[in-house]
Amino acid sequence: MTRPGPTVHDGPATPGAPAGPVTAPATHAQERAWLASRLAHDPPTYCAVDEFPLHASVTADDLVHALHVVMDRHEPLRTVLRLVDGRLRQEVHPHPQPQIDVLDLSTHDPGARAEERRALRARLARAFDPHRAPQWRAAVLDLGEGSWAVVLAAHHTVYDTASGLNMHAELTELCAAAEEGRAPRLPRLPFGYGTHARRERARAGTEGGAPAAAHWRTRLAGLPPVHTVPLDRPRPPARTFAGAEVRTALPAGVTTPLARAARHHGTRPVMLFLAAWTALLHHHSGADDLAVGLPVAGREDPATRSMIGTFVNMRVLRTDLSGDPDGTELVRRTTTAVRADEPYDIPFQHLVELLPAPRLPGVPPLYQLAFNHTTAGDLGPPVASCEEDLLLDVAGPGVRLVYDAALFDRSTADTLLADYLRLLSALLDAPATPLSALLPATAPRRTPRPAPTAPPAPTGPRDAAEERVAAVWRTLLGTGTVDVHEDFFTAGGHSLQALRLLARLAPQHGGGPTLRTFFADPTVAGLATALKRTPPGRTAWR
């Protein structure tokens, strides 16, 4: 059977396109994913693995061809990110060569097939070479009798949850077109991801973001700089990003009462999961004013909804739990708060710069507690990295608590997860119950206090290396005098400025410290010491 060629609507594969890579600014979502993956202890944490079932009278070659068609259509699947003068940029290649394996599992028994799939997902999810495109790999599985599956692993800098839905839809249509011998009917892409990135940057430089800025200044005014959920150990002065998790299944039979309760409250089931999470945090912290980080799709522009790429933004949900509300009132407050914030999307990096919130050593800015929910799929493999203190992740029938291993013991995580499930059931069964009665009272826990130490006296640069660091520091932060012991982030710096700081210093030294090393001691003194110890040729961002 003759297979129709790809219909491409964007990117360098169009006629007359440059033969070499094309560059564009990185999007805000790419910056966040790239930074997080560089600081992670477990690179596969930042790799999405999806499996797409397909049913058609096609061949393995047809499916390999279909993957190439999708890659040709979507720029992120041909992209690698590079730092240029401390700024992250996309490098879009015209014809990268992805790894696509073909496996015949048609004769395997169910047990052997499941084991092969588990091993395959682990192999595909290994770390990507950050300097080579593409940042994805796949396998085509022949399951026999016209049943196929495509397993795809992609770095979060080029792929998000919504991308998986679009990928599956396009592969399904390409298979149908191949089977029927016709041209595929794929969604039109009005512009490419690089154009989206340029438009995003242009919007940030205009007054179009003023309403959002005004909303968030009001919404988050007086936000507590750090939560009061008790820790098992004092918070270290620098974030370690080392995480662990506990997981379990949602209670049997929860789906029907959850859907019924959502209809009763006039909301979506996710709001009940979220309300139960904020109620748990309130129960353990005693705080009435809570900030929770929520990932949002970031696809407000209708033209982006058919794209494959990463668009996810983080939003800060501020919840009021004062007055001991009952479950019904808690769900109402949660839903109202989420809806009130929806029209005011703003890149999280800009939000951090916008708000004059104090930066505390070792504390993630604006929120340290997070929530994530996906209706389908599974939780994926265990993680070993954590960007927040606590993250509750609900995916399909599973739920897990990811926690900062420097702050919490596993026993505490087990308790929190068990309490969450009890509280969710109570919220569904007895929504008129006040929060104070949804869980039995427990003995209060307290965060251990570190031994008091006197802060070092303010000290100016003491040698040539510290003076060079201080000079760049002053330029980036717009400060006059510099204390060599002051924390870069407490002084008002943010992660992207840290990249620029390292990039400006690296040429003078033939290399530079790693980003993770800088986060461990983000001071002039620490950076100067790291620079002296860095072997020649080591780049600051590896």
Protein backbone atom coordinates (compact mmCIF):
# COMPACT_ATOMS: atom_id res chain seq x y z
CA MET A 1 0.00 0.00 0.00
CA THR A 2 1.33 3.46 -0.88
CA ARG A 3 1.44 5.74 2.12
CA PRO A 4 0.65 9.46 1.72
CA GLY A 5 3.40 11.79 2.84
CA PRO A 6 3.15 14.23 5.74
CA THR A 7 1.09 17.38 5.69
CA VAL A 8 3.27 19.88 7.51
CA HIS A 9 1.99 23.24 8.68
CA ASP A 10 4.92 24.70 10.57
CA GLY A 11 8.64 24.39 11.23
CA PRO A 12 11.72 24.02 9.07
CA ALA A 13 10.29 21.07 7.11
CA THR A 14 8.24 23.51 4.94
CA PRO A 15 9.57 24.40 1.47
CA GLY A 16 12.29 27.03 1.47
CA ALA A 17 13.13 26.53 5.13
CA PRO A 18 16.75 26.85 6.28
CA ALA A 19 18.81 23.66 6.03
CA GLY A 20 20.30 24.10 9.50
CA PRO A 21 18.89 24.69 12.99
CA VAL A 22 16.60 27.65 13.64
CA THR A 23 16.71 29.44 16.99
CA ALA A 24 13.99 31.07 19.06
CA PRO A 25 13.61 32.19 22.68
CA ALA A 26 12.71 29.49 25.16
CA THR A 27 9.20 29.71 26.55
CA HIS A 28 8.62 30.34 30.24
CA ALA A 29 7.41 26.74 30.59
CA GLN A 30 10.62 25.45 29.02
CA GLU A 31 12.72 27.57 31.38
CA ARG A 32 10.99 26.11 34.43
CA ALA A 33 11.29 22.52 33.20
CA TRP A 34 14.93 22.99 32.16
CA LEU A 35 15.96 24.53 35.48
CA ALA A 36 14.14 21.88 37.49
CA SER A 37 15.75 19.05 35.54
CA ARG A 38 19.23 20.55 36.04
CA LEU A 39 18.71 20.64 39.80
CA ALA A 40 17.15 17.20 40.02
CA HIS A 41 18.70 14.14 41.62
CA ASP A 42 16.65 11.93 39.31
CA PRO A 43 16.63 13.12 35.67
CA PRO A 44 13.95 10.56 34.62
CA THR A 45 11.55 12.46 36.92
CA TYR A 46 11.43 15.11 34.19
CA CYS A 47 10.65 12.63 31.44
CA ALA A 48 7.05 11.81 30.53
CA VAL A 49 6.33 8.26 29.37
CA ASP A 50 3.05 7.62 27.51
CA GLU A 51 1.66 4.51 25.85
CA PHE A 52 -0.80 4.90 22.97
CA PRO A 53 -2.96 1.90 21.97
CA LEU A 54 -3.70 1.75 18.22
CA HIS A 55 -5.90 -0.62 16.21
CA ALA A 56 -5.44 -0.69 12.43
CA SER A 57 -4.27 -2.90 9.58
CA VAL A 58 -0.89 -1.21 9.27
CA THR A 59 2.75 -2.20 9.50
CA ALA A 60 5.50 -1.22 11.90
CA ASP A 61 6.99 0.90 9.11
CA ASP A 62 3.69 2.81 8.89
CA LEU A 63 3.90 3.65 12.58
CA VAL A 64 7.54 4.71 12.37
CA HIS A 65 6.56 6.92 9.42
CA ALA A 66 3.66 8.34 11.46
CA LEU A 67 6.02 9.32 14.28
CA HIS A 68 8.23 11.14 11.78
CA VAL A 69 5.18 12.96 10.39
CA VAL A 70 4.24 14.15 13.86
CA MET A 71 7.83 15.23 14.51
CA ASP A 72 7.89 17.19 11.24
CA ARG A 73 4.70 19.01 12.22
CA HIS A 74 5.68 19.98 15.76
CA GLU A 75 8.84 22.00 16.39
CA PRO A 76 9.40 20.91 20.03
CA LEU A 77 9.92 17.33 18.84
CA ARG A 78 12.92 18.63 16.85
CA THR A 79 14.23 20.94 19.59
CA VAL A 80 17.09 21.05 22.04
CA LEU A 81 17.66 23.92 24.49
CA ARG A 82 20.94 25.82 24.73
CA LEU A 83 22.23 28.62 26.90
CA VAL A 84 23.45 31.67 25.01
CA ASP A 85 24.94 34.43 27.18
CA GLY A 86 23.01 33.13 30.16
CA ARG A 87 19.66 33.05 28.33
CA LEU A 88 17.92 29.84 27.37
CA ARG A 89 17.08 29.45 23.67
CA GLN A 90 15.43 26.83 21.49
CA GLU A 91 17.46 25.26 18.70
CA VAL A 92 15.07 23.61 16.25
CA HIS A 93 16.66 21.06 13.93
CA PRO A 94 15.16 20.27 10.52
CA HIS A 95 15.77 16.50 10.44
CA PRO A 96 16.94 14.99 13.73
CA GLN A 97 17.13 11.21 13.96
CA PRO A 98 15.01 9.91 16.83
CA GLN A 99 15.51 6.51 18.39
CA ILE A 100 12.47 4.40 17.44
CA ASP A 101 12.64 0.71 18.38
CA VAL A 102 10.31 -1.96 16.98
CA LEU A 103 9.38 -4.94 19.16
CA ASP A 104 7.23 -7.91 18.23
CA LEU A 105 5.29 -9.00 21.34
CA SER A 106 2.55 -10.80 19.43
CA THR A 107 3.64 -14.25 20.64
CA HIS A 108 4.31 -13.30 24.27
CA ASP A 109 1.97 -14.51 26.99
CA PRO A 110 0.32 -11.77 29.09
CA GLY A 111 2.84 -12.02 31.92
CA ALA A 112 5.88 -11.83 29.66
CA ARG A 113 4.28 -8.99 27.69
CA ALA A 114 3.66 -6.96 30.85
CA GLU A 115 7.22 -7.54 32.06
CA GLU A 116 8.66 -6.50 28.69
CA ARG A 117 6.59 -3.33 28.76
CA ARG A 118 7.79 -2.43 32.25
CA ALA A 119 11.41 -2.93 31.24
CA LEU A 120 10.87 -0.95 28.04
CA ARG A 121 9.41 2.04 29.86
CA ALA A 122 12.42 2.10 32.19
CA ARG A 123 14.84 1.98 29.24
CA LEU A 124 13.05 4.74 27.36
CA ALA A 125 12.90 6.99 30.44
CA ARG A 126 16.65 7.14 30.93
CA ALA A 127 18.21 10.60 30.94
CA PHE A 128 18.48 12.45 27.63
CA ASP A 129 21.66 14.02 26.33
CA PRO A 130 20.82 17.71 26.97
CA HIS A 131 22.88 18.81 23.94
CA ARG A 132 21.25 16.67 21.25
CA ALA A 133 17.92 16.78 19.46
CA PRO A 134 15.43 15.29 19.60
CA GLN A 135 14.52 15.09 23.28
CA TRP A 136 12.25 12.08 22.81
CA ARG A 137 12.47 8.40 21.90
CA ALA A 138 9.86 5.76 21.21
CA ALA A 139 9.11 2.09 20.62
CA VAL A 140 6.51 0.51 18.34
CA LEU A 141 4.99 -2.66 19.81
CA ASP A 142 3.32 -5.28 17.60
CA LEU A 143 0.69 -6.94 19.79
CA GLY A 144 -0.81 -9.11 17.03
CA GLU A 145 -4.10 -9.16 15.08
CA GLY A 146 -4.00 -5.45 14.19
CA SER A 147 -3.29 -4.30 17.73
CA TRP A 148 -0.34 -1.97 18.24
CA ALA A 149 1.04 0.31 20.87
CA VAL A 150 3.47 3.19 20.69
CA VAL A 151 5.44 3.90 23.87
CA LEU A 152 6.93 7.38 23.86
CA ALA A 153 9.31 9.02 26.34
CA ALA A 154 9.87 12.78 26.08
CA HIS A 155 11.60 15.39 28.21
CA HIS A 156 9.28 17.89 29.91
CA THR A 157 11.01 20.74 28.07
CA VAL A 158 9.31 19.57 24.85
CA TYR A 159 6.19 17.70 26.00
CA ASP A 160 3.41 17.96 28.59
CA THR A 161 0.22 16.10 29.53
CA ALA A 162 -1.94 17.75 26.87
CA SER A 163 0.72 16.89 24.29
CA GLY A 164 0.01 13.23 24.95
CA LEU A 165 -3.64 13.68 23.97
CA ASN A 166 -2.61 15.43 20.76
CA MET A 167 0.03 12.82 19.97
CA HIS A 168 -2.48 9.99 20.38
CA ALA A 169 -5.06 11.77 18.21
CA GLU A 170 -2.57 12.38 15.40
CA LEU A 171 -1.18 8.85 15.47
CA THR A 172 -4.73 7.46 15.36
CA GLU A 173 -5.61 9.59 12.34
CA LEU A 174 -2.35 8.74 10.55
CA CYS A 175 -3.05 5.04 11.06
CA ALA A 176 -6.60 5.43 9.74
CA ALA A 177 -5.31 7.34 6.70
CA ALA A 178 -2.70 4.66 5.99
CA GLU A 179 -5.27 1.91 6.32
CA GLU A 180 -7.72 3.69 3.99
CA GLY A 181 -5.12 4.92 1.50
CA ARG A 182 -5.99 8.60 1.84
CA ALA A 183 -4.31 11.80 2.97
CA PRO A 184 -4.43 12.33 6.75
CA ARG A 185 -6.81 14.96 8.09
CA LEU A 186 -4.68 16.54 10.81
CA PRO A 187 -5.44 19.75 12.72
CA ARG A 188 -4.13 22.90 11.11
CA LEU A 189 -1.35 24.55 13.12
CA PRO A 190 -1.63 28.31 12.49
CA PHE A 191 1.90 28.91 13.76
CA GLY A 192 4.80 27.03 15.27
CA TYR A 193 6.03 26.77 18.83
CA GLY A 194 8.85 29.23 18.14
CA THR A 195 6.28 31.83 17.08
CA HIS A 196 4.36 31.10 20.29
CA ALA A 197 7.55 31.76 22.28
CA ARG A 198 8.13 35.10 20.53
CA ARG A 199 4.51 36.14 21.08
CA GLU A 200 4.78 35.18 24.74
CA ARG A 201 7.89 37.34 25.17
CA ALA A 202 6.24 40.23 23.28
CA ARG A 203 3.17 40.10 25.55
CA ALA A 204 5.40 40.19 28.63
CA GLY A 205 6.98 43.42 27.34
CA THR A 206 3.69 45.25 26.84
CA GLU A 207 0.98 46.59 29.11
CA GLY A 208 -1.15 43.54 28.33
CA GLY A 209 0.01 41.93 31.57
CA ALA A 210 -0.99 44.89 33.76
CA PRO A 211 -4.43 43.50 34.78
CA ALA A 212 -2.86 40.18 35.76
CA ALA A 213 -0.11 41.93 37.72
CA ALA A 214 -2.67 44.03 39.58
CA HIS A 215 -4.77 40.95 40.36
CA TRP A 216 -1.87 38.99 41.80
CA ARG A 217 -0.48 41.90 43.82
CA THR A 218 -3.86 42.14 45.53
CA ARG A 219 -4.51 38.42 45.70
CA LEU A 220 -1.19 37.51 47.32
CA ALA A 221 -0.61 40.59 49.45
CA GLY A 222 0.55 39.56 52.92
CA LEU A 223 1.00 35.92 51.90
CA PRO A 224 2.92 34.01 54.60
CA PRO A 225 6.43 33.39 53.23
CA VAL A 226 6.49 29.77 54.38
CA HIS A 227 3.92 27.20 55.53
CA THR A 228 3.66 25.96 59.11
CA VAL A 229 3.22 22.23 58.54
CA PRO A 230 5.65 20.77 61.12
CA LEU A 231 8.89 19.38 59.73
CA ASP A 232 10.85 16.44 61.09
CA ARG A 233 14.16 18.27 60.75
CA PRO A 234 15.20 21.93 60.62
CA ARG A 235 15.17 23.32 57.12
CA PRO A 236 18.72 23.42 55.68
CA PRO A 237 19.96 26.79 54.42
CA ALA A 238 20.04 25.51 50.82
CA ARG A 239 17.53 23.33 49.00
CA THR A 240 18.68 19.79 48.27
CA PHE A 241 15.94 18.83 45.75
CA ALA A 242 16.24 15.24 47.03
CA GLY A 243 12.81 13.68 47.26
CA ALA A 244 10.99 10.45 48.02
CA GLU A 245 7.41 9.29 47.85
CA VAL A 246 4.70 7.11 49.33
CA ARG A 247 1.77 5.96 47.22
CA THR A 248 -1.42 3.95 47.39
CA ALA A 249 -4.67 3.41 45.55
CA LEU A 250 -7.72 5.56 46.09
CA PRO A 251 -10.33 3.82 48.25
CA ALA A 252 -12.38 1.23 46.39
CA GLY A 253 -15.67 2.60 45.15
CA VAL A 254 -14.70 6.26 45.54
CA THR A 255 -15.40 7.16 41.90
CA THR A 256 -19.19 7.09 42.09
CA PRO A 257 -19.59 9.07 45.35
CA LEU A 258 -16.93 11.52 44.14
CA ALA A 259 -18.84 12.23 40.92
CA ARG A 260 -22.11 12.45 42.87
CA ALA A 261 -20.61 14.86 45.40
CA ALA A 262 -19.16 17.03 42.61
CA ARG A 263 -22.60 17.32 41.02
CA HIS A 264 -24.10 18.16 44.40
CA HIS A 265 -21.57 20.97 44.92
CA GLY A 266 -21.85 22.17 41.31
CA THR A 267 -18.16 21.66 40.64
CA ARG A 268 -15.64 19.14 39.27
CA PRO A 269 -14.25 16.12 41.13
CA VAL A 270 -10.76 17.66 41.13
CA MET A 271 -12.06 20.40 43.43
CA LEU A 272 -12.96 17.82 46.05
CA PHE A 273 -9.48 16.28 45.86
CA LEU A 274 -8.00 19.77 46.22
CA ALA A 275 -10.33 20.79 49.04
CA ALA A 276 -9.42 17.65 50.98
CA TRP A 277 -5.70 18.46 50.50
CA THR A 278 -6.08 22.00 51.86
CA ALA A 279 -8.14 20.64 54.75
CA LEU A 280 -5.33 18.18 55.57
CA LEU A 281 -2.71 20.96 55.48
CA HIS A 282 -4.91 23.06 57.75
CA HIS A 283 -5.33 20.16 60.15
CA HIS A 284 -1.58 19.59 60.48
CA SER A 285 -0.43 23.20 60.39
CA GLY A 286 -3.21 25.03 62.19
CA ALA A 287 -2.97 27.76 59.51
CA ASP A 288 -6.07 29.43 58.10
CA ASP A 289 -4.18 31.11 55.25
CA LEU A 290 -2.65 28.54 52.89
CA ALA A 291 -0.83 28.80 49.56
CA VAL A 292 -0.79 25.78 47.26
CA GLY A 293 0.96 25.55 43.89
CA LEU A 294 -1.22 24.28 41.05
CA PRO A 295 -0.02 23.34 37.56
CA VAL A 296 -2.26 24.78 34.84
CA ALA A 297 -2.35 23.89 31.15
CA GLY A 298 -1.12 27.28 29.89
CA ARG A 299 -2.99 26.90 26.59
CA GLU A 300 -5.30 29.91 26.75
CA ASP A 301 -4.66 30.71 23.08
CA PRO A 302 -6.92 28.35 21.07
CA ALA A 303 -4.17 27.98 18.45
CA THR A 304 -1.98 26.18 21.00
CA ARG A 305 -4.50 23.50 21.90
CA SER A 306 -3.52 21.20 19.04
CA MET A 307 0.22 21.68 19.57
CA ILE A 308 2.74 19.28 21.01
CA GLY A 309 5.11 21.10 23.34
CA THR A 310 5.32 22.26 26.92
CA PHE A 311 2.98 25.01 28.06
CA VAL A 312 2.38 24.23 31.75
CA ASN A 313 2.48 27.15 34.18
CA MET A 314 2.37 27.15 37.98
CA ARG A 315 -0.35 29.15 39.70
CA VAL A 316 -0.53 30.01 43.39
CA LEU A 317 -3.90 29.20 44.97
CA ARG A 318 -4.54 31.08 48.19
CA THR A 319 -7.21 29.42 50.32
CA ASP A 320 -9.07 30.86 53.31
CA LEU A 321 -9.89 28.21 55.93
CA SER A 322 -10.81 30.57 58.75
CA GLY A 323 -13.97 30.15 60.82
CA ASP A 324 -13.96 26.33 60.87
CA PRO A 325 -16.02 25.90 57.67
CA ASP A 326 -17.82 22.66 56.97
CA GLY A 327 -17.03 20.53 53.93
CA THR A 328 -19.62 22.19 51.71
CA GLU A 329 -18.29 25.66 52.48
CA LEU A 330 -14.70 24.49 51.99
CA VAL A 331 -15.49 23.14 48.51
CA ARG A 332 -17.30 26.40 47.67
CA ARG A 333 -14.32 28.51 48.79
CA THR A 334 -11.89 26.31 46.87
CA THR A 335 -13.92 26.43 43.65
CA THR A 336 -14.48 30.18 43.93
CA ALA A 337 -10.77 30.86 44.49
CA VAL A 338 -9.72 28.75 41.50
CA ARG A 339 -12.27 30.38 39.20
CA ALA A 340 -11.36 33.89 40.36
CA ASP A 341 -7.70 33.32 39.40
CA GLU A 342 -8.29 31.63 36.03
CA PRO A 343 -8.52 34.82 33.88
CA TYR A 344 -5.21 36.14 35.22
CA ASP A 345 -2.52 33.80 33.99
CA ILE A 346 1.02 35.10 34.37
CA PRO A 347 4.33 33.23 34.07
CA PHE A 348 5.36 32.04 37.49
CA GLN A 349 8.85 33.53 37.06
CA HIS A 350 7.26 36.94 36.54
CA LEU A 351 5.05 36.43 39.56
CA VAL A 352 8.12 35.84 41.75
CA GLU A 353 9.73 39.02 40.41
CA LEU A 354 6.49 40.97 40.74
CA LEU A 355 5.77 40.36 44.41
CA PRO A 356 7.99 41.86 47.11
CA ALA A 357 7.70 38.71 49.21
CA PRO A 358 10.66 38.00 51.51
CA ARG A 359 12.97 35.25 50.29
CA LEU A 360 14.07 32.91 53.06
CA PRO A 361 17.15 30.67 52.76
CA GLY A 362 16.24 27.20 51.51
CA VAL A 363 12.55 28.11 51.01
CA PRO A 364 10.92 27.88 47.54
CA PRO A 365 9.30 31.24 46.71
CA LEU A 366 5.55 31.87 47.15
CA TYR A 367 4.50 28.26 47.79
CA GLN A 368 6.09 25.11 49.19
CA LEU A 369 3.02 22.84 49.09
CA ALA A 370 1.61 21.67 45.76
CA PHE A 371 -1.18 19.63 44.22
CA ASN A 372 -1.46 17.86 40.87
CA HIS A 373 -4.31 15.91 39.32
CA THR A 374 -4.71 14.01 36.06
CA THR A 375 -7.88 12.11 35.26
CA ALA A 376 -6.27 9.33 33.23
CA GLY A 377 -3.01 7.42 33.17
CA ASP A 378 -0.99 6.36 36.16
CA LEU A 379 1.51 7.78 38.61
CA GLY A 380 4.52 6.54 36.68
CA PRO A 381 7.75 5.28 38.24
CA PRO A 382 8.89 6.33 41.73
CA VAL A 383 10.64 9.70 41.93
CA ALA A 384 13.81 10.72 43.74
CA SER A 385 13.55 14.50 43.30
CA CYS A 386 11.22 17.05 44.81
CA GLU A 387 10.87 20.75 43.98
CA GLU A 388 8.39 21.45 46.80
CA ASP A 389 8.23 20.44 50.44
CA LEU A 390 5.12 18.35 49.79
CA LEU A 391 3.27 17.46 46.58
CA LEU A 392 0.02 15.50 46.50
CA ASP A 393 -0.33 13.80 43.11
CA VAL A 394 -3.60 12.13 42.07
CA ALA A 395 -3.56 10.27 38.75
CA GLY A 396 -6.33 7.93 37.66
CA PRO A 397 -6.90 5.45 40.51
CA GLY A 398 -3.64 6.22 42.32
CA VAL A 399 -2.49 8.84 44.79
CA ARG A 400 0.98 9.59 46.08
CA LEU A 401 2.69 12.05 48.36
CA VAL A 402 6.06 13.28 47.14
CA TYR A 403 8.10 14.85 49.93
CA ASP A 404 11.39 16.64 50.50
CA ALA A 405 13.58 13.97 52.09
CA ALA A 406 15.67 16.63 53.83
CA LEU A 407 12.59 17.80 55.77
CA PHE A 408 10.33 14.79 56.35
CA ASP A 409 10.64 11.16 57.42
CA ARG A 410 8.86 8.42 55.54
CA SER A 411 6.75 7.68 58.62
CA THR A 412 5.42 11.24 58.53
CA ALA A 413 4.63 10.92 54.83
CA ASP A 414 2.77 7.66 55.50
CA THR A 415 0.71 9.40 58.20
CA LEU A 416 -0.10 12.36 55.97
CA LEU A 417 -1.23 10.16 53.10
CA ALA A 418 -3.38 7.96 55.34
CA ASP A 419 -4.93 11.08 56.91
CA TYR A 420 -5.66 12.44 53.45
CA LEU A 421 -7.60 9.36 52.43
CA ARG A 422 -9.58 9.41 55.67
CA LEU A 423 -10.33 13.09 55.26
CA LEU A 424 -11.40 12.67 51.62
CA SER A 425 -13.83 9.91 52.60
CA ALA A 426 -15.21 12.04 55.43
CA LEU A 427 -15.64 15.00 53.08
CA LEU A 428 -17.66 12.84 50.68
CA ASP A 429 -19.71 11.07 53.35
CA ALA A 430 -20.46 13.98 55.69
CA PRO A 431 -20.02 17.34 53.91
CA ALA A 432 -21.87 19.21 56.69
CA THR A 433 -19.15 18.32 59.21
CA PRO A 434 -16.88 21.20 60.32
CA LEU A 435 -13.20 20.89 59.47
CA SER A 436 -12.30 20.56 63.12
CA ALA A 437 -14.29 17.31 63.30
CA LEU A 438 -13.33 15.72 59.96
CA LEU A 439 -10.22 14.15 61.48
CA PRO A 440 -9.63 13.17 65.10
CA ALA A 441 -7.42 15.55 67.02
CA THR A 442 -3.77 14.54 67.17
CA ALA A 443 -0.93 15.59 69.39
CA PRO A 444 0.70 18.64 67.81
CA ARG A 445 4.06 18.15 66.13
CA ARG A 446 6.69 20.83 66.15
CA THR A 447 9.56 21.50 63.81
CA PRO A 448 12.90 20.97 65.60
CA ARG A 449 14.75 24.23 65.98
CA PRO A 450 18.36 24.43 64.86
CA ALA A 451 20.93 25.51 67.37
CA PRO A 452 21.14 29.31 67.30
CA THR A 453 24.16 30.74 65.55
CA ALA A 454 25.17 34.32 65.22
CA PRO A 455 25.05 35.54 61.61
CA PRO A 456 28.43 36.52 60.20
CA ALA A 457 29.22 40.20 60.27
CA PRO A 458 28.70 41.97 56.91
CA THR A 459 31.87 41.58 54.90
CA GLY A 460 32.91 43.15 51.62
CA PRO A 461 34.91 41.34 48.91
CA ARG A 462 38.25 40.10 50.29
CA ASP A 463 40.14 39.05 47.18
CA ALA A 464 40.11 39.44 43.41
CA ALA A 465 37.77 36.47 42.83
CA GLU A 466 35.16 37.78 45.25
CA GLU A 467 35.46 41.25 43.73
CA ARG A 468 34.79 39.88 40.24
CA VAL A 469 31.73 37.98 41.47
CA ALA A 470 30.52 41.03 43.40
CA ALA A 471 30.84 43.25 40.33
CA VAL A 472 28.53 41.02 38.27
CA TRP A 473 26.25 40.57 41.30
CA ARG A 474 25.86 44.36 41.64
CA THR A 475 25.05 44.74 37.94
CA LEU A 476 22.39 42.03 37.90
CA LEU A 477 20.68 42.98 41.16
CA GLY A 478 21.18 46.74 40.92
CA THR A 479 22.70 46.94 44.40
CA GLY A 480 25.47 49.14 45.76
CA THR A 481 27.43 47.40 48.47
CA VAL A 482 27.61 43.62 48.52
CA ASP A 483 27.96 41.40 51.59
CA VAL A 484 29.88 38.30 50.52
CA HIS A 485 27.77 36.17 52.90
CA GLU A 486 24.36 37.39 51.67
CA ASP A 487 22.11 34.84 49.96
CA PHE A 488 21.59 35.68 46.27
CA PHE A 489 17.89 34.81 46.43
CA THR A 490 17.29 36.64 49.70
CA ALA A 491 18.85 39.68 48.03
CA GLY A 492 16.15 39.56 45.34
CA GLY A 493 17.75 37.32 42.71
CA HIS A 494 15.90 34.56 40.92
CA SER A 495 16.87 31.40 39.05
CA LEU A 496 17.20 32.96 35.60
CA GLN A 497 19.39 35.74 36.98
CA ALA A 498 21.53 33.02 38.56
CA LEU A 499 22.10 31.57 35.09
CA ARG A 500 23.17 34.99 33.79
CA LEU A 501 25.48 35.44 36.76
CA LEU A 502 27.21 32.14 36.02
CA ALA A 503 27.36 32.80 32.28
CA ARG A 504 29.00 36.20 32.74
CA LEU A 505 31.62 34.77 35.06
CA ALA A 506 32.41 31.61 33.09
CA PRO A 507 34.38 33.22 30.23
CA GLN A 508 36.79 34.84 32.71
CA HIS A 509 37.64 31.46 34.22
CA GLY A 510 37.41 29.06 31.27
CA GLY A 511 34.50 27.34 33.05
CA GLY A 512 32.32 27.68 36.09
CA PRO A 513 30.50 25.86 38.90
CA THR A 514 27.39 23.80 38.31
CA LEU A 515 24.00 25.33 38.85
CA ARG A 516 23.35 22.85 41.67
CA THR A 517 26.61 23.91 43.37
CA PHE A 518 25.55 27.54 43.25
CA PHE A 519 22.15 26.71 44.74
CA ALA A 520 23.93 24.92 47.60
CA ASP A 521 25.83 28.12 48.53
CA PRO A 522 24.33 31.10 46.68
CA THR A 523 26.68 33.74 48.10
CA VAL A 524 29.55 35.77 46.68
CA ALA A 525 31.96 33.88 48.94
CA GLY A 526 30.58 30.47 47.96
CA LEU A 527 30.57 31.26 44.25
CA ALA A 528 34.10 32.67 44.34
CA THR A 529 35.32 29.53 46.11
CA ALA A 530 33.55 27.28 43.61
CA LEU A 531 35.04 29.19 40.70
CA LYS A 532 38.54 28.72 42.06
CA ARG A 533 37.94 24.96 42.34
CA THR A 534 36.27 24.45 38.94
CA PRO A 535 38.44 22.51 36.48
CA PRO A 536 39.16 24.42 33.26
CA GLY A 537 36.65 23.77 30.50
CA ARG A 538 33.71 22.95 32.81
CA THR A 539 30.70 25.02 31.80
CA ALA A 540 28.49 26.70 34.35
CA TRP A 541 25.25 25.12 33.29
CA ARG A 542 26.14 21.43 33.13
